[in-house]
């Protein structure tokens, strides 16, 4: 399931543990604009904005460009990680946090196997 740009941005910020003010401070993108992006009110953000956000979240620029609809995902090309995978890779988790994430993922997989 592919997420919308708004969903991707909300999830990335949540994983990073950043507030809208934190993102604003580091990217010079206004808090109001960021909020509109995360609520899906802005349908075509500029590539420059997406580039700044990709740098902040330490993910590939192309991921946000795809989520915004500027690029089409080519299934024949080598697959790059989703925004969620990239965010987890750059989350700088402690060993204990990584173990908790792994346990949670295993829990989710077991629920799926049991059809819940």
C-alpha atoms as a PDB file:
ATOM      1  CA  UNK A   1       0.000   0.000   0.000  1.00  0.00           C
ATOM      2  CA  UNK A   2       1.465   3.301  -1.072  1.00  0.00           C
ATOM      3  CA  UNK A   3       0.956   6.269   1.197  1.00  0.00           C
ATOM      4  CA  UNK A   4       0.035   9.764   0.138  1.00  0.00           C
ATOM      5  CA  UNK A   5       2.624  12.485   0.544  1.00  0.00           C
ATOM      6  CA  UNK A   6       0.723  13.824   3.571  1.00  0.00           C
ATOM      7  CA  UNK A   7       0.744  10.383   5.220  1.00  0.00           C
ATOM      8  CA  UNK A   8       4.437   9.864   4.463  1.00  0.00           C
ATOM      9  CA  UNK A   9       5.380  13.227   5.936  1.00  0.00           C
ATOM     10  CA  UNK A  10       3.346  12.664   9.113  1.00  0.00           C
ATOM     11  CA  UNK A  11       4.867   9.228   9.601  1.00  0.00           C
ATOM     12  CA  UNK A  12       8.403  10.442   8.958  1.00  0.00           C
ATOM     13  CA  UNK A  13       8.025  13.268  11.450  1.00  0.00           C
ATOM     14  CA  UNK A  14       6.557  10.891  14.012  1.00  0.00           C
ATOM     15  CA  UNK A  15       9.432   8.453  13.607  1.00  0.00           C
ATOM     16  CA  UNK A  16      11.921  11.277  13.889  1.00  0.00           C
ATOM     17  CA  UNK A  17      10.133  12.548  17.001  1.00  0.00           C
ATOM     18  CA  UNK A  18      10.156  16.069  15.614  1.00  0.00           C
ATOM     19  CA  UNK A  19       7.590  18.791  16.032  1.00  0.00           C
ATOM     20  CA  UNK A  20       6.469  20.989  13.161  1.00  0.00           C
ATOM     21  CA  UNK A  21       8.517  23.763  14.787  1.00  0.00           C
ATOM     22  CA  UNK A  22      11.624  21.515  14.713  1.00  0.00           C
ATOM     23  CA  UNK A  23      11.130  20.881  10.987  1.00  0.00           C
ATOM     24  CA  UNK A  24      10.496  24.583  10.375  1.00  0.00           C
ATOM     25  CA  UNK A  25      13.668  25.570  12.213  1.00  0.00           C
ATOM     26  CA  UNK A  26      15.881  23.146  10.271  1.00  0.00           C
ATOM     27  CA  UNK A  27      14.326  23.586   6.804  1.00  0.00           C
ATOM     28  CA  UNK A  28      13.128  27.208   6.815  1.00  0.00           C
ATOM     29  CA  UNK A  29       9.714  25.948   5.647  1.00  0.00           C
ATOM     30  CA  UNK A  30       6.938  27.685   7.562  1.00  0.00           C
ATOM     31  CA  UNK A  31       5.033  25.778  10.214  1.00  0.00           C
ATOM     32  CA  UNK A  32       1.735  26.634   8.508  1.00  0.00           C
ATOM     33  CA  UNK A  33       2.947  25.299   5.152  1.00  0.00           C
ATOM     34  CA  UNK A  34       4.249  22.103   6.771  1.00  0.00           C
ATOM     35  CA  UNK A  35       0.899  21.606   8.474  1.00  0.00           C
ATOM     36  CA  UNK A  36      -0.929  22.066   5.164  1.00  0.00           C
ATOM     37  CA  UNK A  37       1.412  19.510   3.547  1.00  0.00           C
ATOM     38  CA  UNK A  38       0.764  16.981   6.309  1.00  0.00           C
ATOM     39  CA  UNK A  39      -3.002  17.459   6.029  1.00  0.00           C
ATOM     40  CA  UNK A  40      -2.978  17.054   2.248  1.00  0.00           C
ATOM     41  CA  UNK A  41      -4.158  20.608   1.589  1.00  0.00           C
ATOM     42  CA  UNK A  42      -1.204  21.309  -0.720  1.00  0.00           C
ATOM     43  CA  UNK A  43      -1.409  19.002  -3.724  1.00  0.00           C
ATOM     44  CA  UNK A  44       1.703  20.066  -5.658  1.00  0.00           C
ATOM     45  CA  UNK A  45       4.527  21.218  -3.384  1.00  0.00           C
ATOM     46  CA  UNK A  46       7.600  22.472  -5.146  1.00  0.00           C
ATOM     47  CA  UNK A  47      10.425  20.004  -5.696  1.00  0.00           C
ATOM     48  CA  UNK A  48      12.644  22.399  -3.716  1.00  0.00           C
ATOM     49  CA  UNK A  49      10.416  21.930  -0.646  1.00  0.00           C
ATOM     50  CA  UNK A  50      10.494  18.163  -1.089  1.00  0.00           C
ATOM     51  CA  UNK A  51      14.276  18.255  -1.384  1.00  0.00           C
ATOM     52  CA  UNK A  52      14.613  20.161   1.903  1.00  0.00           C
ATOM     53  CA  UNK A  53      12.295  17.689   3.624  1.00  0.00           C
ATOM     54  CA  UNK A  54      14.170  14.697   2.214  1.00  0.00           C
ATOM     55  CA  UNK A  55      17.405  16.134   3.581  1.00  0.00           C
ATOM     56  CA  UNK A  56      15.842  16.750   6.993  1.00  0.00           C
ATOM     57  CA  UNK A  57      14.392  13.226   7.210  1.00  0.00           C
ATOM     58  CA  UNK A  58      17.579  11.715   5.717  1.00  0.00           C
ATOM     59  CA  UNK A  59      15.743   9.837   2.972  1.00  0.00           C
ATOM     60  CA  UNK A  60      16.100   9.725  -0.791  1.00  0.00           C
ATOM     61  CA  UNK A  61      14.603  12.729  -2.544  1.00  0.00           C
ATOM     62  CA  UNK A  62      12.990  10.415  -5.102  1.00  0.00           C
ATOM     63  CA  UNK A  63      10.799   8.857  -2.401  1.00  0.00           C
ATOM     64  CA  UNK A  64       9.046  12.157  -1.718  1.00  0.00           C
ATOM     65  CA  UNK A  65       8.938  13.003  -5.412  1.00  0.00           C
ATOM     66  CA  UNK A  66       7.098   9.699  -6.033  1.00  0.00           C
ATOM     67  CA  UNK A  67       4.737  10.302  -3.111  1.00  0.00           C
ATOM     68  CA  UNK A  68       3.930  13.742  -4.521  1.00  0.00           C
ATOM     69  CA  UNK A  69       3.213  12.247  -7.940  1.00  0.00           C
ATOM     70  CA  UNK A  70       6.115  13.876  -9.773  1.00  0.00           C
ATOM     71  CA  UNK A  71       7.798  10.540 -10.483  1.00  0.00           C
ATOM     72  CA  UNK A  72       6.271   7.206 -11.324  1.00  0.00           C
ATOM     73  CA  UNK A  73       7.638   4.122  -9.622  1.00  0.00           C
ATOM     74  CA  UNK A  74       9.293   1.856 -12.169  1.00  0.00           C
ATOM     75  CA  UNK A  75       8.938  -1.736 -10.974  1.00  0.00           C
ATOM     76  CA  UNK A  76      11.776  -2.837 -13.273  1.00  0.00           C
ATOM     77  CA  UNK A  77      14.309  -0.583 -11.557  1.00  0.00           C
ATOM     78  CA  UNK A  78      16.026  -1.584  -8.380  1.00  0.00           C
ATOM     79  CA  UNK A  79      13.677  -0.942  -5.517  1.00  0.00           C
ATOM     80  CA  UNK A  80      14.627   1.722  -3.026  1.00  0.00           C
ATOM     81  CA  UNK A  81      13.227   1.678   0.493  1.00  0.00           C
ATOM     82  CA  UNK A  82       9.885   3.231   1.271  1.00  0.00           C
ATOM     83  CA  UNK A  83       9.848   6.432   3.280  1.00  0.00           C
ATOM     84  CA  UNK A  84       8.991   4.383   6.358  1.00  0.00           C
ATOM     85  CA  UNK A  85      11.915   2.002   5.825  1.00  0.00           C
ATOM     86  CA  UNK A  86      14.273   4.884   5.163  1.00  0.00           C
ATOM     87  CA  UNK A  87      13.082   6.715   8.259  1.00  0.00           C
ATOM     88  CA  UNK A  88      13.641   3.646  10.418  1.00  0.00           C
ATOM     89  CA  UNK A  89      17.126   3.253   8.977  1.00  0.00           C
ATOM     90  CA  UNK A  90      17.978   6.858   9.837  1.00  0.00           C
ATOM     91  CA  UNK A  91      16.187   6.982  13.207  1.00  0.00           C
ATOM     92  CA  UNK A  92      19.427   6.439  15.146  1.00  0.00           C
ATOM     93  CA  UNK A  93      17.781   3.919  17.474  1.00  0.00           C
ATOM     94  CA  UNK A  94      19.566   2.442  20.463  1.00  0.00           C
ATOM     95  CA  UNK A  95      20.052  -1.302  20.618  1.00  0.00           C
ATOM     96  CA  UNK A  96      17.142  -1.572  23.056  1.00  0.00           C
ATOM     97  CA  UNK A  97      14.874   0.498  20.784  1.00  0.00           C
ATOM     98  CA  UNK A  98      15.812  -1.643  17.775  1.00  0.00           C
ATOM     99  CA  UNK A  99      14.904  -4.757  19.734  1.00  0.00           C
ATOM    100  CA  UNK A 100      11.517  -3.243  20.665  1.00  0.00           C
ATOM    101  CA  UNK A 101      10.829  -2.347  17.022  1.00  0.00           C
ATOM    102  CA  UNK A 102      11.753  -5.889  15.976  1.00  0.00           C
ATOM    103  CA  UNK A 103       9.398  -7.341  18.610  1.00  0.00           C
ATOM    104  CA  UNK A 104       6.596  -5.076  17.447  1.00  0.00           C
ATOM    105  CA  UNK A 105       7.115  -6.043  13.807  1.00  0.00           C
ATOM    106  CA  UNK A 106       7.026  -9.708  14.752  1.00  0.00           C
ATOM    107  CA  UNK A 107       3.796  -9.079  16.665  1.00  0.00           C
ATOM    108  CA  UNK A 108       2.237  -7.399  13.619  1.00  0.00           C
ATOM    109  CA  UNK A 109       3.312 -10.272  11.367  1.00  0.00           C
ATOM    110  CA  UNK A 110       1.821 -12.836  13.757  1.00  0.00           C
ATOM    111  CA  UNK A 111      -1.490 -10.931  13.771  1.00  0.00           C
ATOM    112  CA  UNK A 112      -1.483 -10.965   9.974  1.00  0.00           C
ATOM    113  CA  UNK A 113      -0.773 -14.718   9.877  1.00  0.00           C
ATOM    114  CA  UNK A 114      -3.673 -15.323  12.259  1.00  0.00           C
ATOM    115  CA  UNK A 115      -5.952 -13.244  10.033  1.00  0.00           C
ATOM    116  CA  UNK A 116      -6.663 -10.519  12.564  1.00  0.00           C
END
